[in-house]
Amino acid sequence: MEKVFVDSDIVLDLLSGRQPHYNYAAELFSLADENSIKLYVSSLTFANVNYILSKQLSAGQARKMLLKFKTLINVLSVNDKIIELALASDFADFEDAIQYNAAIENGITILLTRNLKDFKKADITILTAQQFLKAIN
């Protein structure tokens, strides 16, 4: 089964219903629900997404949404090594460096994001959700 790391922006597309990206995110996470692919996020994603959702919803609603979302994905730890790799990386955006290194350290070779330009120095496949869905269909 294909292992795919999902960046925070795609999670927010799904949970916030952000158009025009929601449909691609929904299709992607439906594939995970059907056990066609295995999706991964880092523990940092939960902090990022909770922070943003809590500005749009109540804190309780955000947590309930994340609890349901958790059933669709696998959460990877952000540990000392990942932070060290992110600090030493050439990534301009530190959060992206953490996400990227979480994927790499867990043997995941596909990372989905809407910010392709932020991952120019990546040594793994970086795609949008739309590009990924097109490639597997």
C-alpha atoms as a PDB file:
ATOM      1  CA  MET A   1       0.000   0.000   0.000  1.00  0.00           C
ATOM      2  CA  GLU A   2       1.292   3.433  -0.947  1.00  0.00           C
ATOM      3  CA  LYS A   3       2.514   5.606   1.941  1.00  0.00           C
ATOM      4  CA  VAL A   4       1.940   9.344   1.465  1.00  0.00           C
ATOM      5  CA  PHE A   5       2.812  12.270   3.738  1.00  0.00           C
ATOM      6  CA  VAL A   6       0.267  15.109   3.749  1.00  0.00           C
ATOM      7  CA  ASP A   7       1.236  18.689   4.579  1.00  0.00           C
ATOM      8  CA  SER A   8      -0.913  20.850   6.873  1.00  0.00           C
ATOM      9  CA  ASP A   9      -2.344  22.933   4.039  1.00  0.00           C
ATOM     10  CA  ILE A  10      -4.127  19.944   2.496  1.00  0.00           C
ATOM     11  CA  VAL A  11      -5.506  18.910   5.884  1.00  0.00           C
ATOM     12  CA  LEU A  12      -6.864  22.436   6.272  1.00  0.00           C
ATOM     13  CA  ASP A  13      -8.375  22.270   2.778  1.00  0.00           C
ATOM     14  CA  LEU A  14     -10.383  19.274   3.960  1.00  0.00           C
ATOM     15  CA  LEU A  15     -11.325  20.371   7.470  1.00  0.00           C
ATOM     16  CA  SER A  16     -12.030  24.012   6.600  1.00  0.00           C
ATOM     17  CA  GLY A  17     -13.740  23.228   3.302  1.00  0.00           C
ATOM     18  CA  ARG A  18     -11.360  25.580   1.481  1.00  0.00           C
ATOM     19  CA  GLN A  19     -12.348  25.947  -2.145  1.00  0.00           C
ATOM     20  CA  PRO A  20     -11.306  25.175  -4.810  1.00  0.00           C
ATOM     21  CA  HIS A  21      -9.024  22.632  -3.096  1.00  0.00           C
ATOM     22  CA  TYR A  22     -11.565  20.884  -0.878  1.00  0.00           C
ATOM     23  CA  ASN A  23     -12.675  18.335  -3.488  1.00  0.00           C
ATOM     24  CA  TYR A  24      -9.137  17.066  -4.082  1.00  0.00           C
ATOM     25  CA  ALA A  25      -8.501  16.806  -0.353  1.00  0.00           C
ATOM     26  CA  ALA A  26     -11.814  15.001   0.175  1.00  0.00           C
ATOM     27  CA  GLU A  27     -11.017  12.504  -2.580  1.00  0.00           C
ATOM     28  CA  LEU A  28      -7.550  11.916  -1.139  1.00  0.00           C
ATOM     29  CA  PHE A  29      -8.818  11.260   2.372  1.00  0.00           C
ATOM     30  CA  SER A  30     -11.619   9.060   0.998  1.00  0.00           C
ATOM     31  CA  LEU A  31      -8.925   6.819  -0.475  1.00  0.00           C
ATOM     32  CA  ALA A  32      -7.399   6.525   2.986  1.00  0.00           C
ATOM     33  CA  ASP A  33     -10.807   5.741   4.470  1.00  0.00           C
ATOM     34  CA  GLU A  34     -11.175   2.953   1.881  1.00  0.00           C
ATOM     35  CA  ASN A  35      -7.686   1.642   2.809  1.00  0.00           C
ATOM     36  CA  SER A  36      -6.425   2.253  -0.742  1.00  0.00           C
ATOM     37  CA  ILE A  37      -3.522   4.386   0.523  1.00  0.00           C
ATOM     38  CA  LYS A  38      -1.920   5.121   3.888  1.00  0.00           C
ATOM     39  CA  LEU A  39      -1.740   8.786   4.782  1.00  0.00           C
ATOM     40  CA  TYR A  40       0.679  10.262   7.301  1.00  0.00           C
ATOM     41  CA  VAL A  41       1.032  13.619   9.001  1.00  0.00           C
ATOM     42  CA  SER A  42       3.451  14.788  11.658  1.00  0.00           C
ATOM     43  CA  SER A  43       2.426  15.617  15.195  1.00  0.00           C
ATOM     44  CA  LEU A  44       3.202  19.228  14.259  1.00  0.00           C
ATOM     45  CA  THR A  45       0.278  19.129  11.810  1.00  0.00           C
ATOM     46  CA  PHE A  46      -2.172  18.608  14.648  1.00  0.00           C
ATOM     47  CA  ALA A  47      -0.846  21.662  16.488  1.00  0.00           C
ATOM     48  CA  ASN A  48      -0.947  23.803  13.317  1.00  0.00           C
ATOM     49  CA  VAL A  49      -4.418  22.694  12.285  1.00  0.00           C
ATOM     50  CA  ASN A  50      -5.879  22.970  15.790  1.00  0.00           C
ATOM     51  CA  TYR A  51      -4.575  26.530  16.057  1.00  0.00           C
ATOM     52  CA  ILE A  52      -6.198  27.572  12.771  1.00  0.00           C
ATOM     53  CA  LEU A  53      -9.470  25.683  13.299  1.00  0.00           C
ATOM     54  CA  SER A  54      -9.820  27.203  16.771  1.00  0.00           C
ATOM     55  CA  LYS A  55      -9.933  30.628  15.138  1.00  0.00           C
ATOM     56  CA  GLN A  56     -12.808  29.487  12.896  1.00  0.00           C
ATOM     57  CA  LEU A  57     -14.708  27.269  15.362  1.00  0.00           C
ATOM     58  CA  SER A  58     -14.884  26.847  19.104  1.00  0.00           C
ATOM     59  CA  ALA A  59     -11.978  24.999  20.709  1.00  0.00           C
ATOM     60  CA  GLY A  60     -14.307  22.073  21.442  1.00  0.00           C
ATOM     61  CA  GLN A  61     -15.544  21.879  17.845  1.00  0.00           C
ATOM     62  CA  ALA A  62     -11.972  21.971  16.553  1.00  0.00           C
ATOM     63  CA  ARG A  63     -10.963  19.110  18.842  1.00  0.00           C
ATOM     64  CA  LYS A  64     -13.970  17.016  17.843  1.00  0.00           C
ATOM     65  CA  MET A  65     -13.135  17.558  14.187  1.00  0.00           C
ATOM     66  CA  LEU A  66      -9.513  16.535  14.766  1.00  0.00           C
ATOM     67  CA  LEU A  67     -10.608  13.456  16.705  1.00  0.00           C
ATOM     68  CA  LYS A  68     -12.649  12.280  13.705  1.00  0.00           C
ATOM     69  CA  PHE A  69      -9.848  13.219  11.317  1.00  0.00           C
ATOM     70  CA  LYS A  70      -7.358  11.158  13.348  1.00  0.00           C
ATOM     71  CA  THR A  71      -9.158   7.967  12.249  1.00  0.00           C
ATOM     72  CA  LEU A  72      -8.056   8.593   8.641  1.00  0.00           C
ATOM     73  CA  ILE A  73      -4.339   9.100   9.143  1.00  0.00           C
ATOM     74  CA  ASN A  74      -1.218   7.964  10.942  1.00  0.00           C
ATOM     75  CA  VAL A  75       0.682  10.456  13.090  1.00  0.00           C
ATOM     76  CA  LEU A  76       4.473  10.574  12.958  1.00  0.00           C
ATOM     77  CA  SER A  77       6.479  11.884  15.896  1.00  0.00           C
ATOM     78  CA  VAL A  78       8.669  14.930  15.622  1.00  0.00           C
ATOM     79  CA  ASN A  79      11.767  13.977  17.546  1.00  0.00           C
ATOM     80  CA  ASP A  80      15.187  15.405  18.308  1.00  0.00           C
ATOM     81  CA  LYS A  81      16.740  14.092  15.088  1.00  0.00           C
ATOM     82  CA  ILE A  82      13.998  15.587  12.903  1.00  0.00           C
ATOM     83  CA  ILE A  83      14.425  18.979  14.569  1.00  0.00           C
ATOM     84  CA  GLU A  84      18.207  18.824  14.093  1.00  0.00           C
ATOM     85  CA  LEU A  85      17.792  17.913  10.422  1.00  0.00           C
ATOM     86  CA  ALA A  86      15.274  20.718   9.940  1.00  0.00           C
ATOM     87  CA  LEU A  87      17.570  23.256  11.610  1.00  0.00           C
ATOM     88  CA  ALA A  88      20.478  22.203   9.388  1.00  0.00           C
ATOM     89  CA  SER A  89      18.416  22.144   6.183  1.00  0.00           C
ATOM     90  CA  ASP A  90      18.323  24.693   3.365  1.00  0.00           C
ATOM     91  CA  PHE A  91      14.548  25.100   3.680  1.00  0.00           C
ATOM     92  CA  ALA A  92      13.521  28.733   4.067  1.00  0.00           C
ATOM     93  CA  ASP A  93      10.375  27.725   5.980  1.00  0.00           C
ATOM     94  CA  PHE A  94      11.240  25.886   9.211  1.00  0.00           C
ATOM     95  CA  GLU A  95       7.804  24.242   9.481  1.00  0.00           C
ATOM     96  CA  ASP A  96       8.208  22.800   5.973  1.00  0.00           C
ATOM     97  CA  ALA A  97      11.658  21.521   6.941  1.00  0.00           C
ATOM     98  CA  ILE A  98      10.165  19.695   9.920  1.00  0.00           C
ATOM     99  CA  GLN A  99       7.392  18.161   7.791  1.00  0.00           C
ATOM    100  CA  TYR A 100       9.825  17.110   5.067  1.00  0.00           C
ATOM    101  CA  ASN A 101      12.255  15.511   7.499  1.00  0.00           C
ATOM    102  CA  ALA A 102       9.453  13.707   9.322  1.00  0.00           C
ATOM    103  CA  ALA A 103       8.521  12.105   6.003  1.00  0.00           C
ATOM    104  CA  ILE A 104      12.130  11.268   5.076  1.00  0.00           C
ATOM    105  CA  GLU A 105      12.983   9.766   8.466  1.00  0.00           C
ATOM    106  CA  ASN A 106       9.951   7.487   8.203  1.00  0.00           C
ATOM    107  CA  GLY A 107      10.755   6.223   4.719  1.00  0.00           C
ATOM    108  CA  ILE A 108       7.952   8.095   2.975  1.00  0.00           C
ATOM    109  CA  THR A 109       8.851   9.137  -0.564  1.00  0.00           C
ATOM    110  CA  ILE A 110       5.753  11.130  -1.561  1.00  0.00           C
ATOM    111  CA  LEU A 111       4.802  14.408   0.098  1.00  0.00           C
ATOM    112  CA  LEU A 112       1.624  16.255  -0.843  1.00  0.00           C
ATOM    113  CA  THR A 113       1.359  20.013  -0.427  1.00  0.00           C
ATOM    114  CA  ARG A 114      -0.052  23.053  -2.162  1.00  0.00           C
ATOM    115  CA  ASN A 115       3.225  24.911  -1.668  1.00  0.00           C
ATOM    116  CA  LEU A 116       5.414  23.168  -4.229  1.00  0.00           C
ATOM    117  CA  LYS A 117       7.842  26.093  -4.356  1.00  0.00           C
ATOM    118  CA  ASP A 118       8.696  25.597  -0.670  1.00  0.00           C
ATOM    119  CA  PHE A 119       9.995  22.093  -1.395  1.00  0.00           C
ATOM    120  CA  LYS A 120      12.287  22.824  -4.363  1.00  0.00           C
ATOM    121  CA  LYS A 121      15.280  21.206  -2.649  1.00  0.00           C
ATOM    122  CA  ALA A 122      13.430  18.003  -1.849  1.00  0.00           C
ATOM    123  CA  ASP A 123      14.879  14.597  -2.667  1.00  0.00           C
ATOM    124  CA  ILE A 124      11.475  12.913  -2.694  1.00  0.00           C
ATOM    125  CA  THR A 125       8.406  13.320  -4.892  1.00  0.00           C
ATOM    126  CA  ILE A 126       6.486  16.508  -4.081  1.00  0.00           C
ATOM    127  CA  LEU A 127       3.005  16.846  -5.580  1.00  0.00           C
ATOM    128  CA  THR A 128      -0.261  18.649  -5.029  1.00  0.00           C
ATOM    129  CA  ALA A 129      -3.238  16.497  -4.068  1.00  0.00           C
ATOM    130  CA  GLN A 130      -4.630  17.119  -7.543  1.00  0.00           C
ATOM    131  CA  GLN A 131      -1.421  15.927  -9.230  1.00  0.00           C
ATOM    132  CA  PHE A 132      -1.261  12.838  -7.030  1.00  0.00           C
ATOM    133  CA  LEU A 133      -4.871  11.869  -7.723  1.00  0.00           C
ATOM    134  CA  LYS A 134      -4.343  12.324 -11.449  1.00  0.00           C
ATOM    135  CA  ALA A 135      -1.206  10.156 -11.333  1.00  0.00           C
ATOM    136  CA  ILE A 136      -2.914   7.246  -9.575  1.00  0.00           C
ATOM    137  CA  ASN A 137      -6.115   7.292 -11.654  1.00  0.00           C
END
